[in-house]
Amino acid sequence: MKSIYDVVIRPIITEKSSQLAEKLVYTFEVAREANKVEIKDAIEKIFNVKVEKIQTINVKRKAKRMNRYEGFKPGYKKAIVTLAKGQKIDAFEV
């Protein structure tokens, strides 16, 4: 990886991830080639928090059809990050 900002692509903000944020669990889209150690270092340095646990999921691409055109929505890698007690990320607060 080149930098910590190449590891974490964007936060995933959905209804379910908003409910998990109350329990100090946050969801991010990360680079496909990133491993858990790189993800942990990037999250800790970007948001200045202490990470307890990371779970990663490879989300498969999905078939998509628009009228007569067929294609795929791209797949991506998702990281579910659990923070230590007393820590939180303000970017998820709305």
PDB file of N, CA and C in Angstrom:
ATOM      1  N   MET A   1       0.830  -1.187   0.000  1.00  0.00           N
ATOM      2  CA  MET A   1       0.000   0.000   0.000  1.00  0.00           C
ATOM      3  C   MET A   1       0.872   1.248   0.000  1.00  0.00           C
ATOM      4  N   LYS A   2       0.390   2.273  -0.660  1.00  0.00           N
ATOM      5  CA  LYS A   2       1.151   3.503  -0.759  1.00  0.00           C
ATOM      6  C   LYS A   2       0.946   4.393   0.465  1.00  0.00           C
ATOM      7  N   SER A   3      -0.297   4.622   0.844  1.00  0.00           N
ATOM      8  CA  SER A   3      -0.550   5.448   2.024  1.00  0.00           C
ATOM      9  C   SER A   3      -1.788   4.931   2.741  1.00  0.00           C
ATOM     10  N   ILE A   4      -2.030   5.463   3.931  1.00  0.00           N
ATOM     11  CA  ILE A   4      -3.190   5.015   4.694  1.00  0.00           C
ATOM     12  C   ILE A   4      -4.493   5.422   4.016  1.00  0.00           C
ATOM     13  N   TYR A   5      -4.445   6.477   3.211  1.00  0.00           N
ATOM     14  CA  TYR A   5      -5.652   6.931   2.523  1.00  0.00           C
ATOM     15  C   TYR A   5      -5.974   6.079   1.305  1.00  0.00           C
ATOM     16  N   ASP A   6      -5.041   5.243   0.859  1.00  0.00           N
ATOM     17  CA  ASP A   6      -5.316   4.281  -0.209  1.00  0.00           C
ATOM     18  C   ASP A   6      -5.977   3.024   0.355  1.00  0.00           C
ATOM     19  N   VAL A   7      -5.850   2.785   1.645  1.00  0.00           N
ATOM     20  CA  VAL A   7      -6.429   1.594   2.268  1.00  0.00           C
ATOM     21  C   VAL A   7      -7.921   1.796   2.509  1.00  0.00           C
ATOM     22  N   VAL A   8      -8.285   2.886   3.161  1.00  0.00           N
ATOM     23  CA  VAL A   8      -9.685   3.172   3.475  1.00  0.00           C
ATOM     24  C   VAL A   8     -10.262   4.017   2.347  1.00  0.00           C
ATOM     25  N   ILE A   9     -11.239   3.462   1.631  1.00  0.00           N
ATOM     26  CA  ILE A   9     -11.813   4.166   0.484  1.00  0.00           C
ATOM     27  C   ILE A   9     -12.929   5.102   0.924  1.00  0.00           C
ATOM     28  N   ARG A  10     -13.908   4.574   1.667  1.00  0.00           N
ATOM     29  CA  ARG A  10     -15.019   5.410   2.126  1.00  0.00           C
ATOM     30  C   ARG A  10     -15.755   4.702   3.249  1.00  0.00           C
ATOM     31  N   PRO A  11     -16.465   5.473   4.094  1.00  0.00           N
ATOM     32  CA  PRO A  11     -17.330   4.829   5.088  1.00  0.00           C
ATOM     33  C   PRO A  11     -18.617   4.361   4.414  1.00  0.00           C
ATOM     34  N   ILE A  12     -19.177   3.283   4.903  1.00  0.00           N
ATOM     35  CA  ILE A  12     -20.459   2.793   4.396  1.00  0.00           C
ATOM     36  C   ILE A  12     -21.524   3.197   5.403  1.00  0.00           C
ATOM     37  N   ILE A  13     -22.412   4.094   4.979  1.00  0.00           N
ATOM     38  CA  ILE A  13     -23.440   4.612   5.877  1.00  0.00           C
ATOM     39  C   ILE A  13     -24.797   4.122   5.383  1.00  0.00           C
ATOM     40  N   THR A  14     -25.331   3.158   6.097  1.00  0.00           N
ATOM     41  CA  THR A  14     -26.652   2.613   5.820  1.00  0.00           C
ATOM     42  C   THR A  14     -27.440   2.619   7.122  1.00  0.00           C
ATOM     43  N   GLU A  15     -28.688   2.187   7.057  1.00  0.00           N
ATOM     44  CA  GLU A  15     -29.498   2.134   8.262  1.00  0.00           C
ATOM     45  C   GLU A  15     -28.905   1.149   9.272  1.00  0.00           C
ATOM     46  N   LYS A  16     -28.461   0.015   8.777  1.00  0.00           N
ATOM     47  CA  LYS A  16     -27.886  -1.001   9.670  1.00  0.00           C
ATOM     48  C   LYS A  16     -26.561  -0.533  10.265  1.00  0.00           C
ATOM     49  N   SER A  17     -25.708   0.098   9.450  1.00  0.00           N
ATOM     50  CA  SER A  17     -24.426   0.562   9.977  1.00  0.00           C
ATOM     51  C   SER A  17     -24.611   1.715  10.961  1.00  0.00           C
ATOM     52  N   SER A  18     -25.669   2.501  10.797  1.00  0.00           N
ATOM     53  CA  SER A  18     -25.955   3.575  11.755  1.00  0.00           C
ATOM     54  C   SER A  18     -26.366   3.002  13.101  1.00  0.00           C
ATOM     55  N   GLN A  19     -27.119   1.900  13.076  1.00  0.00           N
ATOM     56  CA  GLN A  19     -27.500   1.248  14.329  1.00  0.00           C
ATOM     57  C   GLN A  19     -26.282   0.622  14.997  1.00  0.00           C
ATOM     58  N   LEU A  20     -25.366   0.064  14.195  1.00  0.00           N
ATOM     59  CA  LEU A  20     -24.154  -0.527  14.759  1.00  0.00           C
ATOM     60  C   LEU A  20     -23.216   0.529  15.329  1.00  0.00           C
ATOM     61  N   ALA A  21     -23.252   1.748  14.776  1.00  0.00           N
ATOM     62  CA  ALA A  21     -22.369   2.819  15.255  1.00  0.00           C
ATOM     63  C   ALA A  21     -22.657   3.157  16.714  1.00  0.00           C
ATOM     64  N   GLU A  22     -23.886   2.924  17.155  1.00  0.00           N
ATOM     65  CA  GLU A  22     -24.220   3.160  18.560  1.00  0.00           C
ATOM     66  C   GLU A  22     -23.496   2.165  19.473  1.00  0.00           C
ATOM     67  N   LYS A  23     -23.107   1.015  18.913  1.00  0.00           N
ATOM     68  CA  LYS A  23     -22.400  -0.015  19.677  1.00  0.00           C
ATOM     69  C   LYS A  23     -20.899   0.013  19.420  1.00  0.00           C
ATOM     70  N   LEU A  24     -20.378   1.144  18.910  1.00  0.00           N
ATOM     71  CA  LEU A  24     -18.953   1.343  18.619  1.00  0.00           C
ATOM     72  C   LEU A  24     -18.448   0.411  17.512  1.00  0.00           C
ATOM     73  N   VAL A  25     -19.314   0.092  16.553  1.00  0.00           N
ATOM     74  CA  VAL A  25     -18.949  -0.741  15.411  1.00  0.00           C
ATOM     75  C   VAL A  25     -19.191   0.080  14.151  1.00  0.00           C
ATOM     76  N   TYR A  26     -18.136   0.252  13.343  1.00  0.00           N
ATOM     77  CA  TYR A  26     -18.213   1.084  12.144  1.00  0.00           C
ATOM     78  C   TYR A  26     -17.857   0.268  10.906  1.00  0.00           C
ATOM     79  N   THR A  27     -18.399   0.665   9.754  1.00  0.00           N
ATOM     80  CA  THR A  27     -18.217  -0.083   8.517  1.00  0.00           C
ATOM     81  C   THR A  27     -17.541   0.800   7.475  1.00  0.00           C
ATOM     82  N   PHE A  28     -16.522   0.240   6.789  1.00  0.00           N
ATOM     83  CA  PHE A  28     -15.782   0.970   5.768  1.00  0.00           C
ATOM     84  C   PHE A  28     -15.598   0.109   4.531  1.00  0.00           C
ATOM     85  N   GLU A  29     -15.554   0.752   3.367  1.00  0.00           N
ATOM     86  CA  GLU A  29     -15.099   0.075   2.157  1.00  0.00           C
ATOM     87  C   GLU A  29     -13.593   0.267   2.102  1.00  0.00           C
ATOM     88  N   VAL A  30     -12.868  -0.834   1.887  1.00  0.00           N
ATOM     89  CA  VAL A  30     -11.413  -0.791   1.894  1.00  0.00           C
ATOM     90  C   VAL A  30     -10.865  -1.369   0.594  1.00  0.00           C
ATOM     91  N   ALA A  31      -9.583  -1.167   0.373  1.00  0.00           N
ATOM     92  CA  ALA A  31      -8.926  -1.698  -0.822  1.00  0.00           C
ATOM     93  C   ALA A  31      -8.944  -3.221  -0.777  1.00  0.00           C
ATOM     94  N   ARG A  32      -9.117  -3.844  -1.940  1.00  0.00           N
ATOM     95  CA  ARG A  32      -9.220  -5.308  -2.000  1.00  0.00           C
ATOM     96  C   ARG A  32      -7.958  -6.011  -1.519  1.00  0.00           C
ATOM     97  N   GLU A  33      -6.799  -5.413  -1.752  1.00  0.00           N
ATOM     98  CA  GLU A  33      -5.540  -6.072  -1.387  1.00  0.00           C
ATOM     99  C   GLU A  33      -5.097  -5.756   0.040  1.00  0.00           C
ATOM    100  N   ALA A  34      -5.864  -4.954   0.773  1.00  0.00           N
ATOM    101  CA  ALA A  34      -5.503  -4.590   2.146  1.00  0.00           C
ATOM    102  C   ALA A  34      -5.799  -5.748   3.099  1.00  0.00           C
ATOM    103  N   ASN A  35      -4.910  -5.941   4.079  1.00  0.00           N
ATOM    104  CA  ASN A  35      -5.160  -6.960   5.096  1.00  0.00           C
ATOM    105  C   ASN A  35      -5.585  -6.288   6.402  1.00  0.00           C
ATOM    106  N   LYS A  36      -5.892  -7.092   7.413  1.00  0.00           N
ATOM    107  CA  LYS A  36      -6.434  -6.554   8.659  1.00  0.00           C
ATOM    108  C   LYS A  36      -5.447  -5.643   9.387  1.00  0.00           C
ATOM    109  N   VAL A  37      -4.166  -5.951   9.313  1.00  0.00           N
ATOM    110  CA  VAL A  37      -3.154  -5.130   9.988  1.00  0.00           C
ATOM    111  C   VAL A  37      -3.089  -3.749   9.337  1.00  0.00           C
ATOM    112  N   GLU A  38      -3.090  -3.696   8.016  1.00  0.00           N
ATOM    113  CA  GLU A  38      -3.052  -2.413   7.311  1.00  0.00           C
ATOM    114  C   GLU A  38      -4.317  -1.609   7.571  1.00  0.00           C
ATOM    115  N   ILE A  39      -5.467  -2.281   7.606  1.00  0.00           N
ATOM    116  CA  ILE A  39      -6.733  -1.585   7.867  1.00  0.00           C
ATOM    117  C   ILE A  39      -6.727  -1.005   9.274  1.00  0.00           C
ATOM    118  N   LYS A  40      -6.265  -1.785  10.250  1.00  0.00           N
ATOM    119  CA  LYS A  40      -6.219  -1.316  11.636  1.00  0.00           C
ATOM    120  C   LYS A  40      -5.311  -0.096  11.770  1.00  0.00           C
ATOM    121  N   ASP A  41      -4.127  -0.136  11.182  1.00  0.00           N
ATOM    122  CA  ASP A  41      -3.206   1.002  11.252  1.00  0.00           C
ATOM    123  C   ASP A  41      -3.809   2.240  10.599  1.00  0.00           C
ATOM    124  N   ALA A  42      -4.463   2.053   9.456  1.00  0.00           N
ATOM    125  CA  ALA A  42      -5.044   3.192   8.737  1.00  0.00           C
ATOM    126  C   ALA A  42      -6.167   3.833   9.542  1.00  0.00           C
ATOM    127  N   ILE A  43      -7.076   3.041  10.096  1.00  0.00           N
ATOM    128  CA  ILE A  43      -8.194   3.582  10.878  1.00  0.00           C
ATOM    129  C   ILE A  43      -7.681   4.301  12.115  1.00  0.00           C
ATOM    130  N   GLU A  44      -6.695   3.704  12.799  1.00  0.00           N
ATOM    131  CA  GLU A  44      -6.169   4.343  14.011  1.00  0.00           C
ATOM    132  C   GLU A  44      -5.483   5.662  13.712  1.00  0.00           C
ATOM    133  N   LYS A  45      -4.768   5.756  12.587  1.00  0.00           N
ATOM    134  CA  LYS A  45      -4.067   6.994  12.258  1.00  0.00           C
ATOM    135  C   LYS A  45      -5.001   8.062  11.697  1.00  0.00           C
ATOM    136  N   ILE A  46      -5.974   7.668  10.875  1.00  0.00           N
ATOM    137  CA  ILE A  46      -6.875   8.657  10.265  1.00  0.00           C
ATOM    138  C   ILE A  46      -7.804   9.270  11.310  1.00  0.00           C
ATOM    139  N   PHE A  47      -8.428   8.420  12.151  1.00  0.00           N
ATOM    140  CA  PHE A  47      -9.450   8.900  13.083  1.00  0.00           C
ATOM    141  C   PHE A  47      -8.946   9.053  14.513  1.00  0.00           C
ATOM    142  N   ASN A  48      -7.690   8.691  14.789  1.00  0.00           N
ATOM    143  CA  ASN A  48      -7.085   8.840  16.116  1.00  0.00           C
ATOM    144  C   ASN A  48      -7.909   8.107  17.181  1.00  0.00           C
ATOM    145  N   VAL A  49      -8.177   6.807  16.924  1.00  0.00           N
ATOM    146  CA  VAL A  49      -8.929   5.959  17.842  1.00  0.00           C
ATOM    147  C   VAL A  49      -8.161   4.661  18.070  1.00  0.00           C
ATOM    148  N   LYS A  50      -8.627   3.864  19.032  1.00  0.00           N
ATOM    149  CA  LYS A  50      -8.031   2.560  19.321  1.00  0.00           C
ATOM    150  C   LYS A  50      -8.968   1.468  18.802  1.00  0.00           C
ATOM    151  N   VAL A  51      -8.469   0.638  17.877  1.00  0.00           N
ATOM    152  CA  VAL A  51      -9.265  -0.424  17.261  1.00  0.00           C
ATOM    153  C   VAL A  51      -9.068  -1.713  18.054  1.00  0.00           C
ATOM    154  N   GLU A  52     -10.184  -2.369  18.383  1.00  0.00           N
ATOM    155  CA  GLU A  52     -10.138  -3.633  19.106  1.00  0.00           C
ATOM    156  C   GLU A  52     -10.178  -4.833  18.169  1.00  0.00           C
ATOM    157  N   LYS A  53     -11.109  -4.808  17.197  1.00  0.00           N
ATOM    158  CA  LYS A  53     -11.328  -5.973  16.347  1.00  0.00           C
ATOM    159  C   LYS A  53     -11.722  -5.532  14.946  1.00  0.00           C
ATOM    160  N   ILE A  54     -11.324  -6.339  13.946  1.00  0.00           N
ATOM    161  CA  ILE A  54     -11.682  -6.070  12.550  1.00  0.00           C
ATOM    162  C   ILE A  54     -12.188  -7.351  11.915  1.00  0.00           C
ATOM    163  N   GLN A  55     -13.304  -7.240  11.215  1.00  0.00           N
ATOM    164  CA  GLN A  55     -13.827  -8.336  10.411  1.00  0.00           C
ATOM    165  C   GLN A  55     -13.873  -7.851   8.973  1.00  0.00           C
ATOM    166  N   THR A  56     -13.428  -8.675   8.026  1.00  0.00           N
ATOM    167  CA  THR A  56     -13.454  -8.286   6.623  1.00  0.00           C
ATOM    168  C   THR A  56     -14.372  -9.212   5.840  1.00  0.00           C
ATOM    169  N   ILE A  57     -15.020  -8.641   4.823  1.00  0.00           N
ATOM    170  CA  ILE A  57     -15.956  -9.377   3.980  1.00  0.00           C
ATOM    171  C   ILE A  57     -15.683  -8.987   2.541  1.00  0.00           C
ATOM    172  N   ASN A  58     -15.555  -9.970   1.655  1.00  0.00           N
ATOM    173  CA  ASN A  58     -15.474  -9.697   0.227  1.00  0.00           C
ATOM    174  C   ASN A  58     -16.889  -9.766  -0.337  1.00  0.00           C
ATOM    175  N   VAL A  59     -17.442  -8.611  -0.687  1.00  0.00           N
ATOM    176  CA  VAL A  59     -18.789  -8.542  -1.235  1.00  0.00           C
ATOM    177  C   VAL A  59     -18.692  -8.855  -2.724  1.00  0.00           C
ATOM    178  N   LYS A  60     -19.430  -9.861  -3.171  1.00  0.00           N
ATOM    179  CA  LYS A  60     -19.366 -10.280  -4.567  1.00  0.00           C
ATOM    180  C   LYS A  60     -20.120  -9.308  -5.461  1.00  0.00           C
ATOM    181  N   ARG A  61     -19.751  -9.297  -6.738  1.00  0.00           N
ATOM    182  CA  ARG A  61     -20.453  -8.436  -7.685  1.00  0.00           C
ATOM    183  C   ARG A  61     -21.843  -9.004  -7.943  1.00  0.00           C
ATOM    184  N   LYS A  62     -22.778  -8.112  -8.278  1.00  0.00           N
ATOM    185  CA  LYS A  62     -24.159  -8.526  -8.476  1.00  0.00           C
ATOM    186  C   LYS A  62     -24.595  -8.210  -9.901  1.00  0.00           C
ATOM    187  N   ALA A  63     -25.380  -9.091 -10.469  1.00  0.00           N
ATOM    188  CA  ALA A  63     -25.904  -8.866 -11.814  1.00  0.00           C
ATOM    189  C   ALA A  63     -26.934  -7.743 -11.768  1.00  0.00           C
ATOM    190  N   LYS A  64     -26.887  -6.882 -12.763  1.00  0.00           N
ATOM    191  CA  LYS A  64     -27.787  -5.745 -12.840  1.00  0.00           C
ATOM    192  C   LYS A  64     -28.310  -5.648 -14.257  1.00  0.00           C
ATOM    193  N   ARG A  65     -29.586  -5.378 -14.414  1.00  0.00           N
ATOM    194  CA  ARG A  65     -30.159  -5.275 -15.744  1.00  0.00           C
ATOM    195  C   ARG A  65     -30.975  -4.001 -15.841  1.00  0.00           C
ATOM    196  N   MET A  66     -30.715  -3.219 -16.877  1.00  0.00           N
ATOM    197  CA  MET A  66     -31.472  -2.001 -17.166  1.00  0.00           C
ATOM    198  C   MET A  66     -32.065  -2.165 -18.557  1.00  0.00           C
ATOM    199  N   ASN A  67     -33.368  -2.415 -18.637  1.00  0.00           N
ATOM    200  CA  ASN A  67     -34.060  -2.676 -19.895  1.00  0.00           C
ATOM    201  C   ASN A  67     -33.395  -3.825 -20.642  1.00  0.00           C
ATOM    202  N   ARG A  68     -32.807  -3.550 -21.775  1.00  0.00           N
ATOM    203  CA  ARG A  68     -32.184  -4.638 -22.535  1.00  0.00           C
ATOM    204  C   ARG A  68     -30.690  -4.772 -22.271  1.00  0.00           C
ATOM    205  N   TYR A  69     -30.139  -3.927 -21.443  1.00  0.00           N
ATOM    206  CA  TYR A  69     -28.704  -3.952 -21.164  1.00  0.00           C
ATOM    207  C   TYR A  69     -28.430  -4.731 -19.883  1.00  0.00           C
ATOM    208  N   GLU A  70     -27.438  -5.583 -19.937  1.00  0.00           N
ATOM    209  CA  GLU A  70     -27.060  -6.361 -18.779  1.00  0.00           C
ATOM    210  C   GLU A  70     -25.630  -6.022 -18.380  1.00  0.00           C
ATOM    211  N   GLY A  71     -25.388  -6.077 -17.108  1.00  0.00           N
ATOM    212  CA  GLY A  71     -24.039  -5.798 -16.615  1.00  0.00           C
ATOM    213  C   GLY A  71     -23.936  -6.235 -15.167  1.00  0.00           C
ATOM    214  N   PHE A  72     -22.934  -5.717 -14.482  1.00  0.00           N
ATOM    215  CA  PHE A  72     -22.699  -6.084 -13.090  1.00  0.00           C
ATOM    216  C   PHE A  72     -22.395  -4.846 -12.267  1.00  0.00           C
ATOM    217  N   LYS A  73     -22.884  -4.852 -11.005  1.00  0.00           N
ATOM    218  CA  LYS A  73     -22.426  -3.877 -10.037  1.00  0.00           C
ATOM    219  C   LYS A  73     -21.102  -4.403  -9.510  1.00  0.00           C
ATOM    220  N   PRO A  74     -20.106  -3.562  -9.325  1.00  0.00           N
ATOM    221  CA  PRO A  74     -18.787  -4.060  -8.933  1.00  0.00           C
ATOM    222  C   PRO A  74     -18.781  -4.617  -7.509  1.00  0.00           C
ATOM    223  N   GLY A  75     -17.927  -5.596  -7.281  1.00  0.00           N
ATOM    224  CA  GLY A  75     -17.713  -6.118  -5.946  1.00  0.00           C
ATOM    225  C   GLY A  75     -16.714  -5.248  -5.209  1.00  0.00           C
ATOM    226  N   TYR A  76     -16.656  -5.395  -3.886  1.00  0.00           N
ATOM    227  CA  TYR A  76     -15.722  -4.612  -3.087  1.00  0.00           C
ATOM    228  C   TYR A  76     -15.423  -5.347  -1.792  1.00  0.00           C
ATOM    229  N   LYS A  77     -14.474  -4.836  -1.037  1.00  0.00           N
ATOM    230  CA  LYS A  77     -14.115  -5.414   0.255  1.00  0.00           C
ATOM    231  C   LYS A  77     -14.624  -4.486   1.347  1.00  0.00           C
ATOM    232  N   LYS A  78     -15.275  -5.064   2.341  1.00  0.00           N
ATOM    233  CA  LYS A  78     -15.862  -4.302   3.426  1.00  0.00           C
ATOM    234  C   LYS A  78     -15.186  -4.688   4.731  1.00  0.00           C
ATOM    235  N   ALA A  79     -14.892  -3.698   5.566  1.00  0.00           N
ATOM    236  CA  ALA A  79     -14.290  -3.937   6.878  1.00  0.00           C
ATOM    237  C   ALA A  79     -15.244  -3.446   7.956  1.00  0.00           C
ATOM    238  N   ILE A  80     -15.517  -4.314   8.926  1.00  0.00           N
ATOM    239  CA  ILE A  80     -16.339  -3.953  10.074  1.00  0.00           C
ATOM    240  C   ILE A  80     -15.388  -3.793  11.257  1.00  0.00           C
ATOM    241  N   VAL A  81     -15.305  -2.571  11.769  1.00  0.00           N
ATOM    242  CA  VAL A  81     -14.299  -2.207  12.769  1.00  0.00           C
ATOM    243  C   VAL A  81     -14.970  -1.976  14.117  1.00  0.00           C
ATOM    244  N   THR A  82     -14.476  -2.665  15.145  1.00  0.00           N
ATOM    245  CA  THR A  82     -14.963  -2.481  16.506  1.00  0.00           C
ATOM    246  C   THR A  82     -13.929  -1.669  17.278  1.00  0.00           C
ATOM    247  N   LEU A  83     -14.390  -0.599  17.908  1.00  0.00           N
ATOM    248  CA  LEU A  83     -13.493   0.273  18.665  1.00  0.00           C
ATOM    249  C   LEU A  83     -13.499  -0.086  20.139  1.00  0.00           C
ATOM    250  N   ALA A  84     -12.461   0.357  20.848  1.00  0.00           N
ATOM    251  CA  ALA A  84     -12.374   0.163  22.290  1.00  0.00           C
ATOM    252  C   ALA A  84     -13.406   1.051  22.983  1.00  0.00           C
ATOM    253  N   LYS A  85     -13.753   0.698  24.213  1.00  0.00           N
ATOM    254  CA  LYS A  85     -14.744   1.491  24.959  1.00  0.00           C
ATOM    255  C   LYS A  85     -14.232   2.908  25.165  1.00  0.00           C
ATOM    256  N   GLY A  86     -15.153   3.858  25.062  1.00  0.00           N
ATOM    257  CA  GLY A  86     -14.791   5.259  25.238  1.00  0.00           C
ATOM    258  C   GLY A  86     -14.324   5.932  23.955  1.00  0.00           C
ATOM    259  N   GLN A  87     -14.165   5.182  22.882  1.00  0.00           N
ATOM    260  CA  GLN A  87     -13.734   5.731  21.599  1.00  0.00           C
ATOM    261  C   GLN A  87     -14.954   5.894  20.690  1.00  0.00           C
ATOM    262  N   LYS A  88     -14.905   6.875  19.784  1.00  0.00           N
ATOM    263  CA  LYS A  88     -15.947   6.989  18.767  1.00  0.00           C
ATOM    264  C   LYS A  88     -15.416   7.808  17.607  1.00  0.00           C
ATOM    265  N   ILE A  89     -16.055   7.631  16.461  1.00  0.00           N
ATOM    266  CA  ILE A  89     -15.689   8.358  15.249  1.00  0.00           C
ATOM    267  C   ILE A  89     -16.801   9.368  14.984  1.00  0.00           C
ATOM    268  N   ASP A  90     -16.449  10.655  14.964  1.00  0.00           N
ATOM    269  CA  ASP A  90     -17.446  11.706  14.817  1.00  0.00           C
ATOM    270  C   ASP A  90     -18.014  11.803  13.396  1.00  0.00           C
ATOM    271  N   ALA A  91     -17.335  11.239  12.415  1.00  0.00           N
ATOM    272  CA  ALA A  91     -17.801  11.326  11.027  1.00  0.00           C
ATOM    273  C   ALA A  91     -19.143  10.618  10.842  1.00  0.00           C
ATOM    274  N   PHE A  92     -19.454   9.640  11.701  1.00  0.00           N
ATOM    275  CA  PHE A  92     -20.702   8.893  11.576  1.00  0.00           C
ATOM    276  C   PHE A  92     -21.850   9.565  12.305  1.00  0.00           C
ATOM    277  N   GLU A  93     -21.562  10.575  13.102  1.00  0.00           N
ATOM    278  CA  GLU A  93     -22.606  11.297  13.846  1.00  0.00           C
ATOM    279  C   GLU A  93     -23.331  12.238  12.900  1.00  0.00           C
ATOM    280  N   VAL A  94     -24.642  12.160  12.881  1.00  0.00           N
ATOM    281  CA  VAL A  94     -25.440  13.040  12.006  1.00  0.00           C
ATOM    282  C   VAL A  94     -26.402  13.835  12.834  1.00  0.00           C
TER     283      VAL A  94
END
